[in-house]
N, C-alpha and C. Protein backbone atom coordinates (compact mmCIF):
# COMPACT_ATOMS: atom_id res chain seq x y z
N MET A 1 52.34 -62.79 -30.60
CA MET A 1 53.25 -61.77 -30.34
C MET A 1 51.92 -60.56 -29.55
N ARG A 2 52.93 -59.82 -28.68
CA ARG A 2 52.36 -58.50 -27.72
C ARG A 2 52.46 -57.67 -29.13
N PRO A 3 51.33 -56.70 -29.59
CA PRO A 3 51.71 -55.84 -30.40
C PRO A 3 52.03 -54.27 -29.53
N LEU A 4 53.02 -53.54 -30.74
CA LEU A 4 53.42 -52.74 -30.45
C LEU A 4 52.80 -51.87 -29.53
N GLU A 5 52.98 -50.87 -28.65
CA GLU A 5 52.65 -49.57 -28.07
C GLU A 5 53.16 -48.64 -28.23
N VAL A 6 52.77 -47.63 -28.51
CA VAL A 6 53.20 -45.93 -29.05
C VAL A 6 53.82 -45.47 -27.34
N PRO A 7 54.88 -45.00 -27.66
CA PRO A 7 55.50 -44.83 -26.35
C PRO A 7 54.63 -43.37 -26.18
N VAL A 8 55.03 -43.27 -24.85
CA VAL A 8 53.28 -42.42 -24.11
C VAL A 8 54.77 -40.72 -24.46
N ARG A 9 55.47 -40.91 -24.03
CA ARG A 9 56.89 -39.66 -23.97
C ARG A 9 57.66 -40.35 -24.95
N PRO A 10 57.80 -39.51 -25.97
CA PRO A 10 58.85 -40.10 -27.07
C PRO A 10 60.32 -38.91 -26.53
N ASP A 11 61.48 -39.35 -27.24
CA ASP A 11 61.89 -38.13 -27.30
C ASP A 11 61.92 -37.01 -28.33
N ALA A 12 62.83 -36.08 -28.46
CA ALA A 12 62.56 -35.04 -29.06
C ALA A 12 62.69 -35.22 -30.64
N PRO A 13 64.00 -36.01 -31.12
CA PRO A 13 63.78 -36.91 -32.52
C PRO A 13 62.32 -37.33 -33.03
N THR A 14 61.86 -37.90 -32.34
CA THR A 14 60.26 -38.50 -32.36
C THR A 14 59.40 -37.84 -32.37
N ALA A 15 59.32 -36.85 -30.68
CA ALA A 15 58.04 -35.47 -32.07
C ALA A 15 57.97 -34.74 -32.67
N ARG A 16 59.26 -34.20 -32.76
CA ARG A 16 59.44 -33.72 -34.92
C ARG A 16 59.04 -34.33 -35.29
N ARG A 17 59.23 -35.52 -35.41
CA ARG A 17 59.12 -36.31 -37.03
C ARG A 17 57.55 -36.41 -36.55
N TRP A 18 57.03 -36.77 -35.60
CA TRP A 18 55.37 -36.96 -36.02
C TRP A 18 54.60 -35.31 -35.82
N VAL A 19 55.45 -34.30 -35.59
CA VAL A 19 54.70 -33.22 -35.77
C VAL A 19 54.70 -32.92 -37.39
N LEU A 20 56.43 -32.87 -37.87
CA LEU A 20 56.77 -32.86 -39.25
C LEU A 20 55.72 -34.20 -39.92
N GLU A 21 55.42 -35.45 -39.99
CA GLU A 21 54.84 -36.16 -41.27
C GLU A 21 53.42 -35.95 -40.74
N GLU A 22 52.58 -34.72 -39.58
CA GLU A 22 51.03 -35.07 -39.43
C GLU A 22 50.77 -33.86 -39.83
N LEU A 23 51.97 -32.76 -40.00
CA LEU A 23 52.06 -31.10 -40.87
C LEU A 23 52.46 -31.39 -42.40
N ALA A 24 52.51 -33.05 -42.97
CA ALA A 24 53.34 -32.74 -44.23
C ALA A 24 51.68 -33.60 -44.76
N ASP A 25 50.91 -33.83 -44.04
CA ASP A 25 49.60 -33.85 -44.75
C ASP A 25 49.35 -33.22 -45.90
N PRO A 26 48.87 -33.63 -47.24
CA PRO A 26 48.42 -33.10 -48.46
C PRO A 26 47.23 -31.32 -48.01
N ALA A 27 46.42 -31.90 -47.15
CA ALA A 27 45.49 -31.07 -46.39
C ALA A 27 46.05 -29.53 -45.97
N TYR A 28 47.49 -30.05 -45.31
CA TYR A 28 47.99 -28.53 -44.79
C TYR A 28 49.06 -28.16 -45.59
N SER A 29 48.86 -28.47 -47.50
CA SER A 29 49.72 -27.72 -48.28
C SER A 29 49.33 -27.12 -49.23
N ARG A 30 48.23 -26.43 -49.00
CA ARG A 30 47.51 -25.31 -49.82
C ARG A 30 48.52 -24.26 -50.38
N GLU A 31 49.27 -23.50 -49.22
CA GLU A 31 50.11 -22.88 -49.09
C GLU A 31 51.74 -23.35 -48.57
N GLU A 32 52.33 -23.57 -49.31
CA GLU A 32 53.44 -24.06 -49.60
C GLU A 32 54.56 -23.13 -48.52
N SER A 33 54.71 -22.12 -48.89
CA SER A 33 55.64 -20.99 -47.98
C SER A 33 54.86 -21.35 -46.73
N LEU A 34 53.72 -21.22 -46.47
CA LEU A 34 53.61 -21.24 -45.11
C LEU A 34 53.75 -22.25 -44.74
N LEU A 35 53.66 -23.24 -44.77
CA LEU A 35 53.55 -24.14 -44.36
C LEU A 35 55.28 -24.72 -43.88
N ASP A 36 56.37 -24.21 -45.03
CA ASP A 36 57.42 -24.18 -44.80
C ASP A 36 57.68 -23.79 -43.22
N ARG A 37 57.25 -22.37 -43.52
CA ARG A 37 57.09 -21.27 -41.95
C ARG A 37 56.72 -22.23 -40.78
N PHE A 38 55.41 -22.49 -40.98
CA PHE A 38 55.08 -23.21 -39.94
C PHE A 38 56.04 -24.70 -39.13
N LEU A 39 56.04 -25.09 -40.11
CA LEU A 39 56.79 -25.95 -39.58
C LEU A 39 58.98 -25.66 -39.20
N ALA A 40 58.59 -24.83 -39.71
CA ALA A 40 60.36 -24.37 -39.13
C ALA A 40 60.33 -23.51 -37.57
N TRP A 41 59.03 -23.01 -37.49
CA TRP A 41 58.59 -22.58 -35.60
C TRP A 41 58.38 -23.76 -35.33
N VAL A 42 58.04 -24.56 -35.52
CA VAL A 42 57.15 -25.54 -34.60
C VAL A 42 58.87 -26.69 -33.76
N ALA A 43 59.84 -26.51 -35.40
CA ALA A 43 61.08 -27.32 -34.72
C ALA A 43 61.70 -26.36 -33.74
N GLU A 44 61.59 -24.96 -33.90
CA GLU A 44 62.45 -24.26 -33.18
C GLU A 44 61.90 -24.21 -31.72
N GLN A 45 60.58 -24.13 -31.27
CA GLN A 45 59.54 -24.16 -30.33
C GLN A 45 60.20 -25.58 -29.39
N LEU A 46 60.10 -26.94 -30.18
CA LEU A 46 60.25 -27.66 -29.55
C LEU A 46 61.79 -27.48 -29.02
N GLU A 47 62.76 -27.29 -29.83
CA GLU A 47 63.70 -27.68 -29.70
C GLU A 47 64.51 -26.23 -28.36
N GLY A 48 63.45 -25.42 -28.61
CA GLY A 48 63.22 -23.98 -26.96
C GLY A 48 63.18 -25.55 -26.04
N LEU A 49 62.28 -25.63 -26.04
CA LEU A 49 61.89 -26.13 -24.91
C LEU A 49 62.21 -27.76 -24.46
N GLN A 50 62.57 -28.24 -25.17
CA GLN A 50 63.82 -29.04 -25.09
C GLN A 50 64.74 -29.07 -23.68
N GLY A 51 65.47 -27.60 -24.25
CA GLY A 51 66.56 -26.81 -23.81
C GLY A 51 65.95 -26.42 -22.26
N VAL A 52 64.77 -26.08 -21.94
CA VAL A 52 64.58 -25.72 -20.74
C VAL A 52 64.21 -26.82 -19.48
N GLY A 53 64.62 -28.05 -20.05
CA GLY A 53 64.00 -29.23 -19.65
C GLY A 53 62.40 -29.77 -19.45
N LEU A 54 61.65 -29.35 -20.75
CA LEU A 54 60.05 -29.98 -20.26
C LEU A 54 60.07 -31.44 -20.52
N PRO A 55 59.56 -32.55 -20.72
CA PRO A 55 59.64 -33.60 -21.27
C PRO A 55 59.26 -33.37 -22.90
N PRO A 56 59.78 -34.69 -24.33
CA PRO A 56 59.03 -34.05 -25.07
C PRO A 56 57.77 -34.21 -24.97
N ALA A 57 56.83 -35.07 -24.55
CA ALA A 57 55.66 -35.17 -24.84
C ALA A 57 54.96 -33.72 -24.48
N GLY A 58 55.16 -32.82 -23.14
CA GLY A 58 54.62 -31.83 -23.24
C GLY A 58 55.07 -30.67 -23.35
N ALA A 59 56.02 -30.81 -24.22
CA ALA A 59 56.83 -29.60 -25.39
C ALA A 59 56.29 -29.67 -26.42
N LEU A 60 55.45 -30.96 -26.90
CA LEU A 60 54.88 -31.52 -27.68
C LEU A 60 53.54 -30.54 -27.36
N ALA A 61 52.95 -30.76 -26.92
CA ALA A 61 51.77 -29.97 -26.15
C ALA A 61 51.46 -28.77 -26.33
N VAL A 62 52.60 -28.09 -25.95
CA VAL A 62 52.36 -26.91 -25.64
C VAL A 62 52.82 -26.35 -26.94
N VAL A 63 53.43 -26.74 -28.00
CA VAL A 63 53.71 -25.85 -29.37
C VAL A 63 52.42 -25.99 -29.82
N VAL A 64 51.50 -27.46 -30.14
CA VAL A 64 50.60 -27.83 -30.52
C VAL A 64 49.43 -26.59 -30.06
N GLY A 65 49.31 -26.81 -28.63
CA GLY A 65 48.39 -25.39 -28.08
C GLY A 65 48.64 -24.01 -28.45
N VAL A 66 50.02 -24.02 -28.61
CA VAL A 66 50.32 -22.29 -28.72
C VAL A 66 49.17 -22.23 -30.48
N ALA A 67 49.92 -22.79 -30.72
CA ALA A 67 49.34 -22.69 -32.50
C ALA A 67 47.79 -22.73 -32.68
N VAL A 68 47.25 -23.60 -32.43
CA VAL A 68 45.93 -23.67 -31.92
C VAL A 68 45.35 -22.46 -31.21
N VAL A 69 45.97 -21.88 -30.55
CA VAL A 69 45.72 -20.67 -29.75
C VAL A 69 45.62 -19.76 -31.08
N VAL A 70 46.53 -19.78 -31.31
CA VAL A 70 47.25 -18.51 -32.61
C VAL A 70 46.23 -18.09 -33.99
N VAL A 71 46.25 -19.89 -34.40
CA VAL A 71 45.04 -19.99 -35.44
C VAL A 71 43.57 -19.73 -34.89
N LEU A 72 43.12 -19.58 -33.94
CA LEU A 72 42.01 -18.97 -33.15
C LEU A 72 41.99 -17.31 -33.61
N LEU A 73 43.37 -17.29 -32.70
CA LEU A 73 43.08 -15.46 -33.03
C LEU A 73 43.00 -14.95 -33.85
N ALA A 74 43.63 -15.79 -34.87
CA ALA A 74 43.65 -14.86 -36.36
C ALA A 74 42.52 -14.83 -37.04
N LEU A 75 41.76 -15.98 -37.08
CA LEU A 75 40.48 -16.12 -37.51
C LEU A 75 39.34 -14.64 -36.53
N TRP A 76 39.77 -15.04 -35.30
CA TRP A 76 38.53 -13.93 -34.96
C TRP A 76 38.59 -12.75 -35.09
N ILE A 77 40.10 -12.26 -35.12
CA ILE A 77 40.42 -10.87 -35.89
C ILE A 77 40.22 -10.92 -36.97
N ALA A 78 40.40 -11.65 -38.45
CA ALA A 78 39.82 -11.78 -39.57
C ALA A 78 38.75 -11.28 -40.08
N GLY A 79 37.71 -11.75 -38.77
CA GLY A 79 36.24 -11.80 -39.26
C GLY A 79 35.94 -10.44 -39.68
N PRO A 80 35.96 -9.53 -38.20
CA PRO A 80 35.82 -8.01 -38.21
C PRO A 80 36.60 -7.25 -38.83
N VAL A 81 37.68 -7.49 -38.94
CA VAL A 81 38.52 -6.65 -40.53
C VAL A 81 38.10 -7.12 -41.54
N ARG A 82 37.94 -8.23 -41.89
CA ARG A 82 37.50 -8.18 -43.57
C ARG A 82 35.83 -7.48 -43.33
N GLY A 83 35.03 -7.81 -42.69
CA GLY A 83 33.56 -6.60 -42.84
C GLY A 83 33.84 -5.27 -42.80
N GLY A 84 34.89 -5.01 -41.83
CA GLY A 84 35.09 -3.44 -41.41
C GLY A 84 35.70 -2.83 -43.26
N LEU A 85 36.79 -4.16 -43.25
CA LEU A 85 37.07 -3.43 -45.12
C LEU A 85 35.54 -3.20 -46.20
N THR A 86 34.98 -4.16 -46.27
CA THR A 86 34.38 -4.61 -47.25
C THR A 86 32.90 -3.39 -46.77
N THR A 87 32.91 -3.09 -45.61
CA THR A 87 31.69 -1.78 -45.10
C THR A 87 32.30 -0.85 -46.08
N ARG A 88 33.90 -0.30 -45.84
CA ARG A 88 34.28 0.77 -46.01
C ARG A 88 33.95 0.76 -47.67
N ARG A 89 34.52 -0.28 -48.39
CA ARG A 89 34.67 -0.11 -49.96
C ARG A 89 33.31 0.09 -50.19
N ARG A 90 31.90 -0.08 -49.69
CA ARG A 90 30.86 0.00 -50.09
C ARG A 90 30.59 1.46 -49.58
N ALA A 91 30.88 2.23 -48.73
CA ALA A 91 30.29 3.67 -48.45
C ALA A 91 31.43 4.35 -48.89
N ARG A 92 31.06 5.15 -50.26
CA ARG A 92 32.16 5.74 -50.63
C ARG A 92 32.19 7.50 -50.78
N ALA A 93 32.18 8.12 -51.09
CA ALA A 93 32.65 9.60 -51.40
C ALA A 93 31.33 9.47 -52.27
N VAL A 94 30.04 10.84 -51.81
CA VAL A 94 29.58 11.09 -52.66
C VAL A 94 29.89 12.28 -53.69
N LEU A 95 30.74 13.35 -53.00
CA LEU A 95 30.89 14.04 -54.47
C LEU A 95 32.58 14.26 -54.33
N ALA A 96 32.97 13.75 -55.14
CA ALA A 96 35.25 13.29 -54.93
C ALA A 96 35.41 15.06 -54.69
N ALA A 97 37.08 14.83 -54.73
CA ALA A 97 37.69 16.23 -54.61
C ALA A 97 37.77 16.96 -55.48
N ASP A 98 37.40 16.64 -57.04
CA ASP A 98 37.69 17.59 -57.40
C ASP A 98 36.45 17.73 -58.81
N ASP A 99 35.10 17.84 -57.82
CA ASP A 99 34.35 18.11 -58.33
C ASP A 99 33.31 19.01 -57.57
N ARG A 100 33.58 20.37 -58.49
CA ARG A 100 33.33 21.21 -58.16
C ARG A 100 31.94 21.91 -58.76
N ARG A 101 31.42 21.44 -59.16
CA ARG A 101 30.16 21.56 -59.83
C ARG A 101 28.95 21.89 -58.65
N SER A 102 28.29 23.05 -59.29
CA SER A 102 27.63 23.66 -58.61
C SER A 102 26.08 22.78 -58.38
N ALA A 103 25.36 22.84 -57.38
CA ALA A 103 23.87 22.24 -57.07
C ALA A 103 23.57 22.09 -58.30
N ASP A 104 22.94 23.48 -59.32
CA ASP A 104 22.61 23.51 -60.30
C ASP A 104 22.98 22.81 -61.56
N ASP A 105 24.49 22.64 -61.57
CA ASP A 105 24.80 22.03 -62.75
C ASP A 105 24.45 20.44 -62.32
N LEU A 106 24.79 20.06 -61.19
CA LEU A 106 24.31 18.93 -61.01
C LEU A 106 22.59 18.26 -61.20
N ARG A 107 21.63 19.10 -60.80
CA ARG A 107 20.64 19.06 -61.15
C ARG A 107 20.30 19.05 -62.75
N ALA A 108 20.84 19.47 -63.38
CA ALA A 108 20.83 19.94 -64.64
C ALA A 108 21.48 18.22 -65.62
N ALA A 109 22.30 17.72 -64.90
CA ALA A 109 23.03 17.00 -65.31
C ALA A 109 21.78 15.37 -64.63
N ALA A 110 20.99 15.47 -64.11
CA ALA A 110 20.15 14.67 -63.55
C ALA A 110 19.24 14.71 -64.55
N ASP A 111 18.27 15.90 -64.81
CA ASP A 111 17.42 16.06 -65.68
C ASP A 111 17.39 15.76 -67.09
N ALA A 112 18.80 15.83 -67.83
CA ALA A 112 19.53 15.44 -68.82
C ALA A 112 19.82 13.93 -68.68
N ALA A 113 20.06 13.07 -67.83
CA ALA A 113 20.16 11.99 -67.32
C ALA A 113 18.38 10.57 -67.71
N ALA A 114 18.07 11.71 -66.99
CA ALA A 114 16.67 11.12 -66.86
C ALA A 114 15.93 11.65 -68.12
N ALA A 115 16.08 12.59 -68.89
CA ALA A 115 15.08 12.21 -69.94
C ALA A 115 16.16 11.23 -71.23
N ALA A 116 17.44 10.87 -70.98
CA ALA A 116 17.70 9.76 -71.97
C ALA A 116 17.64 8.62 -70.97
N GLY A 117 16.74 8.26 -70.10
CA GLY A 117 16.20 7.00 -69.86
C GLY A 117 17.67 6.55 -68.56
N ASP A 118 18.23 7.79 -68.52
CA ASP A 118 19.40 7.06 -67.48
C ASP A 118 19.29 7.19 -66.28
N TRP A 119 18.75 6.35 -65.63
CA TRP A 119 18.29 6.41 -64.34
C TRP A 119 19.17 6.22 -63.81
N PRO A 120 20.37 5.41 -63.59
CA PRO A 120 21.03 5.22 -62.34
C PRO A 120 22.04 6.78 -62.39
N THR A 121 22.49 7.17 -63.59
CA THR A 121 22.95 8.17 -63.74
C THR A 121 21.89 9.79 -62.60
N ALA A 122 20.65 9.27 -63.03
CA ALA A 122 19.97 10.43 -62.54
C ALA A 122 19.71 10.30 -61.36
N VAL A 123 19.76 9.22 -60.76
CA VAL A 123 19.79 8.92 -59.11
C VAL A 123 20.98 9.73 -58.15
N ALA A 124 22.01 8.86 -59.28
CA ALA A 124 23.61 9.71 -58.26
C ALA A 124 23.56 11.42 -58.56
N GLU A 125 23.62 11.94 -59.36
CA GLU A 125 23.34 13.10 -59.61
C GLU A 125 22.49 13.91 -58.98
N ARG A 126 20.91 13.65 -58.96
CA ARG A 126 20.36 14.64 -57.76
C ARG A 126 20.88 14.11 -56.63
N PHE A 127 20.99 12.74 -56.32
CA PHE A 127 21.35 12.82 -54.60
C PHE A 127 23.09 13.71 -54.51
N ARG A 128 23.48 13.44 -55.40
CA ARG A 128 25.18 14.89 -55.62
C ARG A 128 24.48 16.34 -55.43
N ALA A 129 23.32 16.71 -55.87
CA ALA A 129 22.32 17.95 -55.77
C ALA A 129 22.66 17.84 -54.69
N VAL A 130 21.81 17.59 -53.88
CA VAL A 130 21.08 17.76 -52.50
C VAL A 130 22.24 17.73 -51.75
N VAL A 131 23.02 16.94 -51.51
CA VAL A 131 24.36 17.52 -50.49
C VAL A 131 24.81 18.05 -51.54
N ARG A 132 25.05 18.84 -52.09
CA ARG A 132 26.22 20.25 -52.86
C ARG A 132 24.85 21.25 -52.58
N SER A 133 23.56 21.22 -52.68
CA SER A 133 23.11 22.74 -52.17
C SER A 133 23.22 22.64 -50.61
N LEU A 134 22.85 21.26 -50.07
CA LEU A 134 22.81 21.83 -48.33
C LEU A 134 24.63 22.34 -47.72
N GLU A 135 25.55 22.26 -48.93
CA GLU A 135 26.42 22.60 -48.83
C GLU A 135 26.71 24.59 -49.04
N GLU A 136 25.82 24.21 -49.88
CA GLU A 136 25.80 25.87 -50.21
C GLU A 136 24.92 26.56 -50.10
N ARG A 137 24.57 25.89 -49.07
CA ARG A 137 22.88 26.55 -48.04
C ARG A 137 24.14 26.78 -46.09
N GLY A 138 25.06 26.24 -46.06
CA GLY A 138 25.77 26.49 -45.10
C GLY A 138 24.96 25.01 -43.95
N VAL A 139 24.38 24.46 -44.77
CA VAL A 139 23.80 22.94 -43.73
C VAL A 139 25.21 22.29 -43.59
N LEU A 140 25.44 22.41 -44.43
CA LEU A 140 26.87 21.09 -44.31
C LEU A 140 27.80 21.64 -44.66
N ASP A 141 29.43 21.47 -44.10
CA ASP A 141 30.58 22.38 -44.17
C ASP A 141 30.75 21.07 -45.95
N GLU A 142 31.89 22.41 -46.48
CA GLU A 142 31.86 21.27 -47.43
C GLU A 142 33.36 20.35 -47.57
N ARG A 143 33.16 18.91 -47.68
CA ARG A 143 34.18 18.07 -46.79
C ARG A 143 33.99 17.26 -48.23
N PRO A 144 35.01 16.89 -48.64
CA PRO A 144 35.59 15.93 -49.79
C PRO A 144 35.55 14.70 -49.55
N GLY A 145 34.59 13.02 -49.38
CA GLY A 145 35.06 11.99 -48.76
C GLY A 145 34.22 11.95 -48.35
N ARG A 146 32.93 12.76 -48.06
CA ARG A 146 31.81 12.43 -47.21
C ARG A 146 30.90 11.31 -47.60
N THR A 147 29.97 10.58 -46.96
CA THR A 147 29.91 9.24 -47.34
C THR A 147 28.27 9.32 -47.19
N ALA A 148 27.41 8.99 -48.25
CA ALA A 148 25.66 9.40 -48.33
C ALA A 148 25.25 9.45 -46.90
N HIS A 149 25.63 8.18 -46.25
CA HIS A 149 24.98 7.98 -44.78
C HIS A 149 25.58 9.25 -44.02
N GLU A 150 26.63 9.78 -44.24
CA GLU A 150 27.59 10.88 -43.55
C GLU A 150 26.66 11.73 -43.60
N ALA A 151 26.46 12.42 -44.76
CA ALA A 151 25.46 13.93 -45.33
C ALA A 151 24.32 13.68 -45.24
N ALA A 152 23.55 12.34 -45.19
CA ALA A 152 22.23 12.32 -44.69
C ALA A 152 22.09 12.20 -43.55
N GLY A 153 22.62 11.54 -42.27
CA GLY A 153 22.95 12.15 -40.85
C GLY A 153 23.15 13.67 -40.31
N LEU A 154 23.99 13.94 -41.10
CA LEU A 154 24.38 15.08 -40.67
C LEU A 154 23.59 16.51 -40.81
N ALA A 155 22.51 16.44 -42.00
CA ALA A 155 21.36 17.08 -42.47
C ALA A 155 20.62 16.93 -41.74
N ALA A 156 20.11 15.78 -41.36
CA ALA A 156 19.06 15.67 -40.82
C ALA A 156 18.89 16.31 -39.44
N ARG A 157 19.96 16.62 -38.51
CA ARG A 157 20.20 17.08 -36.86
C ARG A 157 19.76 18.52 -37.46
N ARG A 158 19.97 19.43 -38.91
CA ARG A 158 19.56 20.67 -38.76
C ARG A 158 18.53 20.78 -39.25
N LEU A 159 17.98 19.57 -40.40
CA LEU A 159 16.57 19.50 -40.75
C LEU A 159 15.98 18.53 -40.29
N PRO A 160 14.87 18.51 -39.19
CA PRO A 160 14.54 17.57 -38.56
C PRO A 160 13.53 16.40 -39.51
N GLY A 161 12.81 17.77 -39.94
CA GLY A 161 11.81 17.31 -40.92
C GLY A 161 12.02 16.45 -42.01
N ALA A 162 13.08 16.56 -42.28
CA ALA A 162 13.16 15.77 -44.15
C ALA A 162 14.13 14.90 -43.46
N ALA A 163 14.17 14.08 -42.23
CA ALA A 163 15.54 13.00 -41.46
C ALA A 163 15.23 11.79 -42.45
N ASP A 164 13.63 11.50 -42.74
CA ASP A 164 13.48 10.31 -43.32
C ASP A 164 13.37 10.20 -44.61
N VAL A 165 13.45 10.92 -45.54
CA VAL A 165 13.89 11.25 -46.83
C VAL A 165 15.05 11.94 -46.85
N LEU A 166 16.17 11.85 -46.14
CA LEU A 166 17.49 11.77 -46.37
C LEU A 166 17.67 10.60 -46.10
N ALA A 167 17.47 9.92 -45.45
CA ALA A 167 18.43 8.27 -44.80
C ALA A 167 17.83 7.45 -46.24
N ARG A 168 16.75 7.45 -46.50
CA ARG A 168 16.33 6.71 -47.72
C ARG A 168 16.82 7.70 -48.55
N GLY A 169 16.75 8.61 -49.13
CA GLY A 169 17.91 8.95 -50.42
C GLY A 169 19.83 8.42 -50.26
N GLY A 170 19.62 8.24 -48.79
CA GLY A 170 21.16 7.68 -48.70
C GLY A 170 21.19 6.47 -49.36
N ASP A 171 20.33 5.61 -48.54
CA ASP A 171 20.63 4.15 -49.34
C ASP A 171 20.39 3.87 -50.45
N ARG A 172 19.37 5.02 -51.17
CA ARG A 172 19.62 4.79 -52.19
C ARG A 172 20.22 4.76 -52.96
N PHE A 173 20.93 5.54 -52.87
CA PHE A 173 22.12 6.38 -53.57
C PHE A 173 24.03 5.02 -53.23
N ASP A 174 23.94 4.73 -52.45
CA ASP A 174 24.54 3.53 -52.14
C ASP A 174 24.01 2.05 -52.92
N ASP A 175 23.28 1.76 -52.52
CA ASP A 175 22.08 0.60 -53.35
C ASP A 175 22.93 1.40 -55.10
N VAL A 176 22.56 2.06 -55.81
CA VAL A 176 22.87 2.21 -57.31
C VAL A 176 23.72 2.69 -58.09
N VAL A 177 24.79 3.11 -56.88
CA VAL A 177 26.15 3.45 -57.39
C VAL A 177 27.21 2.82 -56.79
N TYR A 178 27.04 1.98 -55.34
CA TYR A 178 27.79 1.61 -55.06
C TYR A 178 27.41 0.06 -54.88
N GLY A 179 26.18 -0.40 -54.99
CA GLY A 179 25.51 -1.74 -54.87
C GLY A 179 25.40 -2.07 -55.97
N HIS A 180 25.53 -1.75 -57.19
CA HIS A 180 25.88 -1.77 -58.48
C HIS A 180 24.08 -2.54 -58.60
N ARG A 181 23.20 -1.93 -57.81
CA ARG A 181 21.30 -2.31 -58.05
C ARG A 181 20.84 -0.97 -59.30
N SER A 182 19.64 -2.13 -59.98
CA SER A 182 19.28 -1.10 -60.52
C SER A 182 18.39 0.07 -60.42
N ALA A 183 18.51 0.78 -61.25
CA ALA A 183 17.36 1.89 -61.12
C ALA A 183 16.40 1.95 -61.88
N THR A 184 15.23 2.91 -61.34
CA THR A 184 14.11 2.72 -62.46
C THR A 184 13.28 4.56 -61.78
N PRO A 185 12.38 4.62 -62.85
CA PRO A 185 11.86 6.71 -62.39
C PRO A 185 11.49 6.56 -61.31
N ASP A 186 10.90 5.30 -60.17
CA ASP A 186 10.14 5.29 -58.90
C ASP A 186 11.09 5.99 -57.98
N ASP A 187 13.00 5.63 -58.48
CA ASP A 187 14.11 6.04 -57.77
C ASP A 187 13.94 7.28 -58.13
N ASP A 188 14.10 7.76 -59.40
CA ASP A 188 14.32 9.13 -59.69
C ASP A 188 13.60 10.15 -58.58
N ARG A 189 12.00 9.60 -59.00
CA ARG A 189 10.90 10.28 -58.34
C ARG A 189 11.65 10.81 -56.52
N LEU A 190 11.92 9.84 -56.18
CA LEU A 190 12.30 9.46 -54.71
C LEU A 190 13.29 10.50 -55.08
N MET A 191 14.51 11.02 -55.30
CA MET A 191 15.31 11.71 -55.41
C MET A 191 14.82 13.41 -55.80
N ARG A 192 14.35 13.85 -56.66
CA ARG A 192 13.37 14.17 -56.63
C ARG A 192 12.69 15.14 -55.40
N ASP A 193 11.72 13.65 -54.93
CA ASP A 193 10.83 14.86 -54.15
C ASP A 193 12.39 15.03 -52.37
N LEU A 194 13.24 14.05 -52.52
CA LEU A 194 14.51 14.65 -51.16
C LEU A 194 14.44 15.93 -51.61
N ASP A 195 14.85 16.19 -52.87
CA ASP A 195 15.71 17.55 -52.88
C ASP A 195 14.46 18.45 -53.16
N ASP A 196 12.97 18.37 -53.36
CA ASP A 196 12.18 19.41 -52.85
C ASP A 196 12.44 19.19 -51.59
N ALA A 197 12.43 18.38 -50.69
CA ALA A 197 11.94 18.01 -49.01
C ALA A 197 13.54 19.01 -48.36
N VAL A 198 13.78 18.29 -48.74
CA VAL A 198 15.63 19.83 -48.62
C VAL A 198 15.47 20.93 -48.60
N ARG A 199 15.19 21.61 -50.25
CA ARG A 199 14.98 23.05 -50.53
C ARG A 199 13.97 23.73 -49.70
N ALA A 200 12.99 22.90 -49.01
CA ALA A 200 11.69 23.62 -48.38
C ALA A 200 12.06 23.37 -46.89
N ALA A 201 12.96 22.95 -46.65
CA ALA A 201 12.77 22.59 -45.03
C ALA A 201 13.79 23.72 -44.36
N ARG A 202 13.46 23.79 -43.10
CA ARG A 202 14.07 25.24 -42.10
C ARG A 202 15.01 24.68 -41.58
N ALA A 203 15.90 25.34 -41.02
CA ALA A 203 16.68 24.58 -40.22
C ALA A 203 16.77 24.30 -38.81
N GLY A 204 16.73 23.54 -38.06
CA GLY A 204 16.99 23.80 -37.04
C GLY A 204 17.57 22.54 -35.99
N GLY A 205 17.66 22.83 -34.78
CA GLY A 205 18.45 21.59 -34.36
C GLY A 205 20.14 21.68 -34.04
N ALA A 206 20.58 20.74 -33.87
CA ALA A 206 22.36 20.83 -33.77
C ALA A 206 22.63 21.05 -34.80
N ALA A 207 24.17 21.58 -34.65
CA ALA A 207 24.68 22.16 -35.92
C ALA A 207 25.63 21.04 -36.27
N ALA A 208 25.39 21.06 -37.66
CA ALA A 208 26.32 19.74 -38.32
C ALA A 208 27.85 20.09 -38.29
């Protein structure tokens, strides 16, 4: 007996049935609501293409091709978007909008935390004191929501002699406050050195 051959050009109902059977596989059913919407979209596209006289096999190929392009495009866009969102979550503000403490207040808080062995708080408050001090001196304008890297980068333009220690301080602040990295007495010493270097630096270069 001659084996049955798969028709090369199925009619519209057969093409729709093939697509539905393929997409009904459990591998596609992780999100039922999405699957239902996608199946309905495929059926609509097949019917529309049949209406313009496109052969069933050609209609199926066009729909599958469009679906593949859409999926690939969505994956390509999702990567950068996720990366951008992650970066924004990690790069948070140094000073909250309602934090009106002076640089001396923040230094006192850092000293108290260091005396208690609370190194993460000491690191955070010392860097905040540095940024507040730069605002009080007019090196930086007062801008709630500025991130550690923004503050360090802008300050470095006015205080080029302290650029390296500013960059290291900004990195350490983000690591400890938003990266949940443990802090040590060495980190506290780095922030103290940063505070001293910034207070001793003389302004020069482009305006912040």
